[in-house]
Structure formats: structure tokens, C-alpha cells
Amino acid sequence: MNFTGNRLLDLLGPKEFARLEPHLTAEALRPNQILQNREKIIDSVYFPTNGMVSIVTVMREGKSVEVGITGREGMVGIPVVLGDDIAANEAVVQFPGHGLRMPANVLQQEVLASQQLRAVLLRFVQAFLNSATQSAACNRAHLLEQRLARWLLTARDRTGGHYLPFHSRINRDNARSAACGRDRRGTITAIGGTQPSPPTSRTIRRCSKAVHGLVAFRSCEQACENLPHAPEEALHAP
């Protein structure tokens, strides 16, 4: 089994990963770095190993809305997996980290050549779409506090850590109105608790408010836990 820190790459067999490895370049993912521009050609795809990337759609009037997030469980560049080379949305680094970059044309060729790679990536696409659908329903039906709780718990699992430093792309005023504590660096430290964490800890606590968004959170997480696995016959394909 491979260990890159990215779940999709780590699901691949040794031979499949060996085909991709020469084309993977380790890169730092900087806060607010734009990895893909809307309606532009996708030159590279990214497999985050930590940090988190927001998939953002931009409205005609210029307003941007987050429609999905991805981290170490997935990739940035879904259109490439589906045979396209134009980004429908913007991909921007929400929380800094690291990832592995690959030329988009190389991934397209490998997806066509490898049944195992194709199966793994298509399962992730299905999980991502399921998560986006659930998020849309939650954003319509739940209160701000509930949506925030679900988003924070999802972000925590995507990044694999307790520290979520907020940068300029985040609407921190809305977050502050829904959360009970925020440290001097702009990091939410608790949701609905009675006492905020010390400013230096910058930890997100799973507390009572999170329960209200837990059903939706579990639904999204179940999709990401179960769907990316390739069918047994694909995993053993040559």
C-alpha cells in the first residue's frame, strides 16, 4: 500500500501508483491560492495531503458561493476525470497545506488506460456529488448555527486536524455570530459551548451545537468513507 497522505492515491495498487509517481510534484498550498479558474483550461490537478480547498461558483453579479470542499480524501480537477479540460468552478485554498500536483493531460491518459484508477476516481466523483447535494439541502433547511457546525466538522475531517485558521475568504463575521468563541487570530475555538478555548490552543471542540448538524454530517462522511473504494475486480485489474 502507498502512503502519500492522499486517500485516492493510497488506494491504488503499487503498479498503478508507479505509473503516476513520476508525474507527481509536491507543492505547498498557500492560503487563498487559486488552483483553478472558472471557465479556464485546467492545466494541473491536485491531490491534497493536508489543508483544504474550496470549490466556489461565481455568480454573474460577482458574488461567490462555496459549493464543495475537498482535502486529503479527494482531489481538485473533477472535470479532467470526466474527460473535460475546462473548470466549471473556481478552486481556492481555504486552509493551507500541501499536495501533489499532476499535469491534467497525463491524468486523462492514465484514466483511460487504467481500469483501477478510473474506478477509484469515479467513486470519488460520486461521493463529492452526493456531499454537494446533501450540503445544498442542509443550507436550505438548517439554521446558521447548524450549518456552521456541520461545515466545521466536515472541514476538521478533511484537513485531519483540529486547527482551522480562517483567512480573508471566510466570512468571519457570520462565523463569529454563530460560534461562542474566537481567538485573536480569527480562529473559531468552540461551537455553542459555555467557555471558549484559550486563544493559543486554536482547537475546535465537538460540542452540543454540533449534534444538530450531525445527521447531515454523517451522511456526507459516509459517502466519502464508502464510495471511493474501487470494485474488487477493478482493484485487481492489470
Protein backbone atom coordinates (compact mmCIF):
# COMPACT_ATOMS: atom_id res chain seq x y z
CA MET A 1 0.00 0.00 0.00
CA ASN A 2 1.21 3.50 -0.85
CA PHE A 3 1.35 6.25 1.74
CA THR A 4 1.26 9.72 0.25
CA GLY A 5 -1.25 11.19 2.67
CA ASN A 6 -3.89 11.40 -0.06
CA ARG A 7 -6.55 8.73 0.16
CA LEU A 8 -7.19 8.32 -3.56
CA LEU A 9 -3.53 7.78 -4.38
CA ASP A 10 -3.12 5.48 -1.40
CA LEU A 11 -5.98 3.27 -2.62
CA LEU A 12 -4.10 2.44 -5.81
CA GLY A 13 -2.09 -0.72 -6.22
CA PRO A 14 1.72 -0.49 -6.43
CA LYS A 15 1.79 -0.83 -10.23
CA GLU A 16 -0.88 1.80 -10.74
CA PHE A 17 0.81 4.23 -8.41
CA ALA A 18 4.19 3.62 -10.03
CA ARG A 19 2.75 4.85 -13.34
CA LEU A 20 1.62 8.11 -11.72
CA GLU A 21 4.54 8.74 -9.38
CA PRO A 22 6.98 10.23 -11.93
CA HIS A 23 4.37 12.86 -12.79
CA LEU A 24 3.57 13.90 -9.21
CA THR A 25 5.17 17.06 -7.85
CA ALA A 26 4.95 18.02 -4.18
CA GLU A 27 3.75 21.59 -3.67
CA ALA A 28 2.74 23.86 -0.81
CA LEU A 29 -0.85 25.05 -0.94
CA ARG A 30 -0.93 28.69 0.15
CA PRO A 31 -3.93 30.48 1.72
CA ASN A 32 -6.25 31.89 -0.96
CA GLN A 33 -4.15 30.37 -3.75
CA ILE A 34 -6.33 29.78 -6.80
CA LEU A 35 -5.72 26.30 -8.19
CA GLN A 36 -8.29 26.51 -10.97
CA ASN A 37 -10.06 29.43 -12.58
CA ARG A 38 -13.67 29.24 -13.69
CA GLU A 39 -14.14 28.67 -17.44
CA LYS A 40 -10.40 28.34 -17.95
CA ILE A 41 -8.37 25.36 -19.15
CA ILE A 42 -7.27 23.03 -16.36
CA ASP A 43 -3.52 22.60 -16.67
CA SER A 44 -2.96 20.64 -13.47
CA VAL A 45 -4.89 18.53 -11.00
CA TYR A 46 -4.10 18.41 -7.28
CA PHE A 47 -4.20 15.65 -4.69
CA PRO A 48 -4.13 17.40 -1.27
CA THR A 49 -2.31 15.63 1.54
CA ASN A 50 -3.42 18.16 4.16
CA GLY A 51 -5.15 21.52 4.20
CA MET A 52 -8.46 22.15 2.46
CA VAL A 53 -9.63 23.51 -0.89
CA SER A 54 -12.98 25.20 -1.52
CA ILE A 55 -14.82 24.73 -4.80
CA VAL A 56 -16.51 28.05 -5.47
CA THR A 57 -19.05 29.13 -8.07
CA VAL A 58 -19.13 32.79 -9.06
CA MET A 59 -22.48 34.41 -9.82
CA ARG A 60 -23.00 36.96 -12.59
CA GLU A 61 -23.07 39.82 -10.11
CA GLY A 62 -19.70 38.71 -8.78
CA LYS A 63 -20.90 37.03 -5.59
CA SER A 64 -19.11 33.76 -4.83
CA VAL A 65 -20.67 30.71 -3.15
CA GLU A 66 -18.87 27.64 -1.87
CA VAL A 67 -20.40 24.53 -3.45
CA GLY A 68 -17.96 21.93 -2.17
CA ILE A 69 -14.78 21.27 -0.24
CA THR A 70 -12.05 18.73 -0.67
CA GLY A 71 -8.95 17.71 1.23
CA ARG A 72 -6.83 14.64 1.79
CA GLU A 73 -9.76 12.35 0.89
CA GLY A 74 -10.00 13.61 -2.67
CA MET A 75 -8.67 15.75 -5.48
CA VAL A 76 -9.08 19.04 -7.31
CA GLY A 77 -9.86 18.63 -11.01
CA ILE A 78 -13.01 16.53 -11.30
CA PRO A 79 -13.74 17.69 -14.88
CA VAL A 80 -10.48 16.05 -16.00
CA VAL A 81 -11.66 12.69 -14.64
CA LEU A 82 -14.85 13.11 -16.67
CA GLY A 83 -12.96 13.86 -19.88
CA ASP A 84 -13.21 17.67 -19.87
CA ASP A 85 -10.42 20.23 -19.56
CA ILE A 86 -12.45 23.34 -18.62
CA ALA A 87 -13.13 24.25 -15.00
CA ALA A 88 -16.78 24.91 -14.23
CA ASN A 89 -15.90 26.46 -10.87
CA GLU A 90 -13.03 28.16 -9.10
CA ALA A 91 -10.85 26.13 -6.73
CA VAL A 92 -9.23 28.16 -3.95
CA VAL A 93 -7.13 27.05 -0.99
CA GLN A 94 -9.18 27.63 2.15
CA PHE A 95 -6.74 26.24 4.71
CA PRO A 96 -3.03 25.98 3.82
CA GLY A 97 -1.31 22.65 3.48
CA HIS A 98 0.46 20.50 0.92
CA GLY A 99 -0.49 18.44 -2.07
CA LEU A 100 0.73 16.55 -5.10
CA ARG A 101 0.29 18.21 -8.48
CA MET A 102 -0.02 16.33 -11.77
CA PRO A 103 -0.40 17.57 -15.36
CA ALA A 104 -4.06 17.27 -16.33
CA ASN A 105 -3.34 15.68 -19.70
CA VAL A 106 -1.32 12.93 -18.02
CA LEU A 107 -4.16 12.08 -15.65
CA GLN A 108 -6.63 11.96 -18.54
CA GLN A 109 -4.43 9.48 -20.37
CA GLU A 110 -3.96 7.33 -17.28
CA VAL A 111 -7.70 7.31 -16.53
CA LEU A 112 -8.34 5.92 -19.99
CA ALA A 113 -5.55 3.35 -19.65
CA SER A 114 -6.24 2.09 -16.12
CA GLN A 115 -9.49 0.48 -15.02
CA GLN A 116 -8.44 0.63 -11.37
CA LEU A 117 -7.57 4.34 -11.43
CA ARG A 118 -10.77 5.12 -13.31
CA ALA A 119 -12.88 3.19 -10.79
CA VAL A 120 -11.28 4.88 -7.76
CA LEU A 121 -11.61 8.39 -9.17
CA LEU A 122 -15.18 7.91 -10.39
CA ARG A 123 -16.20 6.68 -6.96
CA PHE A 124 -14.74 9.87 -5.50
CA VAL A 125 -16.68 11.95 -8.04
CA GLN A 126 -19.87 10.19 -6.92
CA ALA A 127 -19.04 10.85 -3.26
CA PHE A 128 -18.30 14.51 -3.98
CA LEU A 129 -21.60 14.98 -5.82
CA ASN A 130 -23.52 13.23 -3.04
CA SER A 131 -21.87 15.51 -0.48
CA ALA A 132 -22.66 18.63 -2.53
CA THR A 133 -26.30 17.53 -2.85
CA GLN A 134 -26.58 16.97 0.90
CA SER A 135 -24.95 20.34 1.59
CA ALA A 136 -27.44 22.12 -0.65
CA ALA A 137 -30.32 20.54 1.26
CA CYS A 138 -28.76 21.43 4.61
CA ASN A 139 -28.13 25.03 3.59
CA ARG A 140 -31.82 25.37 2.72
CA ALA A 141 -33.28 23.58 5.73
CA HIS A 142 -30.93 24.31 8.66
CA LEU A 143 -30.18 27.35 10.78
CA LEU A 144 -26.86 29.18 10.59
CA GLU A 145 -25.56 27.52 13.77
CA GLN A 146 -26.40 24.06 12.41
CA ARG A 147 -24.78 24.75 9.04
CA LEU A 148 -21.69 26.09 10.74
CA ALA A 149 -21.42 23.04 12.99
CA ARG A 150 -21.65 20.69 10.00
CA TRP A 151 -19.16 22.73 7.97
CA LEU A 152 -16.61 22.86 10.79
CA LEU A 153 -16.85 19.13 11.50
CA THR A 154 -16.52 18.34 7.79
CA ALA A 155 -13.56 20.71 7.47
CA ARG A 156 -11.93 19.10 10.50
CA ASP A 157 -12.15 15.67 8.92
CA ARG A 158 -11.00 16.90 5.51
CA THR A 159 -7.88 18.50 6.99
CA GLY A 160 -7.20 15.77 9.53
CA GLY A 161 -6.52 18.27 12.30
CA HIS A 162 -8.09 20.45 15.00
CA TYR A 163 -6.63 23.73 13.76
CA LEU A 164 -8.59 25.72 11.20
CA PRO A 165 -7.01 29.16 10.65
CA PHE A 166 -9.52 31.45 8.95
CA HIS A 167 -8.29 33.76 6.21
CA SER A 168 -9.84 36.53 4.15
CA ARG A 169 -12.01 34.23 2.02
CA ILE A 170 -14.04 33.24 5.08
CA ASN A 171 -16.90 35.40 6.29
CA ARG A 172 -15.67 35.57 9.84
CA ASP A 173 -18.43 37.92 10.96
CA ASN A 174 -21.09 35.29 10.26
CA ALA A 175 -18.95 32.61 11.85
CA ARG A 176 -18.42 34.72 14.96
CA SER A 177 -22.14 35.38 15.33
CA ALA A 178 -22.80 31.63 15.33
CA ALA A 179 -19.89 30.47 17.46
CA CYS A 180 -19.23 31.11 21.11
CA GLY A 181 -15.52 31.84 20.91
CA ARG A 182 -12.93 33.12 18.51
CA ASP A 183 -9.30 33.78 19.24
CA ARG A 184 -7.35 36.91 18.40
CA ARG A 185 -6.02 35.31 15.20
CA GLY A 186 -9.52 34.77 13.85
CA THR A 187 -9.85 31.05 14.58
CA ILE A 188 -13.12 29.66 15.90
CA THR A 189 -12.44 27.74 19.09
CA ALA A 190 -15.85 26.40 20.09
CA ILE A 191 -19.39 25.96 18.88
CA GLY A 192 -22.14 26.58 21.40
CA GLY A 193 -20.08 25.82 24.48
CA THR A 194 -20.01 27.99 27.56
CA GLN A 195 -16.31 28.79 27.60
CA PRO A 196 -14.04 29.42 24.60
CA SER A 197 -10.74 27.60 24.41
CA PRO A 198 -7.57 29.54 25.31
CA PRO A 199 -6.54 31.83 22.43
CA THR A 200 -3.31 29.95 21.88
CA SER A 201 -4.87 26.50 21.52
CA ARG A 202 -6.91 27.23 18.36
CA THR A 203 -8.83 23.98 18.74
CA ILE A 204 -12.32 23.19 17.52
CA ARG A 205 -14.33 21.32 20.12
CA ARG A 206 -17.07 18.90 19.19
CA CYS A 207 -19.79 20.23 21.45
CA SER A 208 -23.57 20.30 21.86
CA LYS A 209 -24.39 22.56 18.90
CA ALA A 210 -22.71 20.11 16.54
CA VAL A 211 -25.36 17.49 17.34
CA HIS A 212 -27.96 19.48 15.41
CA GLY A 213 -25.97 19.11 12.19
CA LEU A 214 -24.73 15.61 12.90
CA VAL A 215 -27.21 13.68 10.73
CA ALA A 216 -26.20 15.62 7.64
CA PHE A 217 -22.57 15.44 8.66
CA ARG A 218 -22.72 11.66 8.98
CA SER A 219 -24.43 11.39 5.61
CA CYS A 220 -21.64 13.36 3.93
CA GLU A 221 -18.91 11.46 5.75
CA GLN A 222 -20.45 8.07 4.94
CA ALA A 223 -20.30 8.98 1.26
CA CYS A 224 -16.61 9.80 1.50
CA GLU A 225 -15.82 6.76 3.63
CA ASN A 226 -17.59 4.19 1.48
CA LEU A 227 -17.69 5.35 -2.12
CA PRO A 228 -14.07 5.93 -3.17
CA HIS A 229 -13.21 2.24 -2.91
CA ALA A 230 -12.99 0.61 -6.30
CA PRO A 231 -14.88 -2.61 -7.07
CA GLU A 232 -12.91 -5.73 -6.24
CA GLU A 233 -12.43 -6.72 -9.89
CA ALA A 234 -11.08 -3.26 -10.71
CA LEU A 235 -8.61 -3.32 -7.85
CA HIS A 236 -7.09 -6.50 -9.22
CA ALA A 237 -7.17 -5.47 -12.84
CA PRO A 238 -3.81 -5.42 -14.66
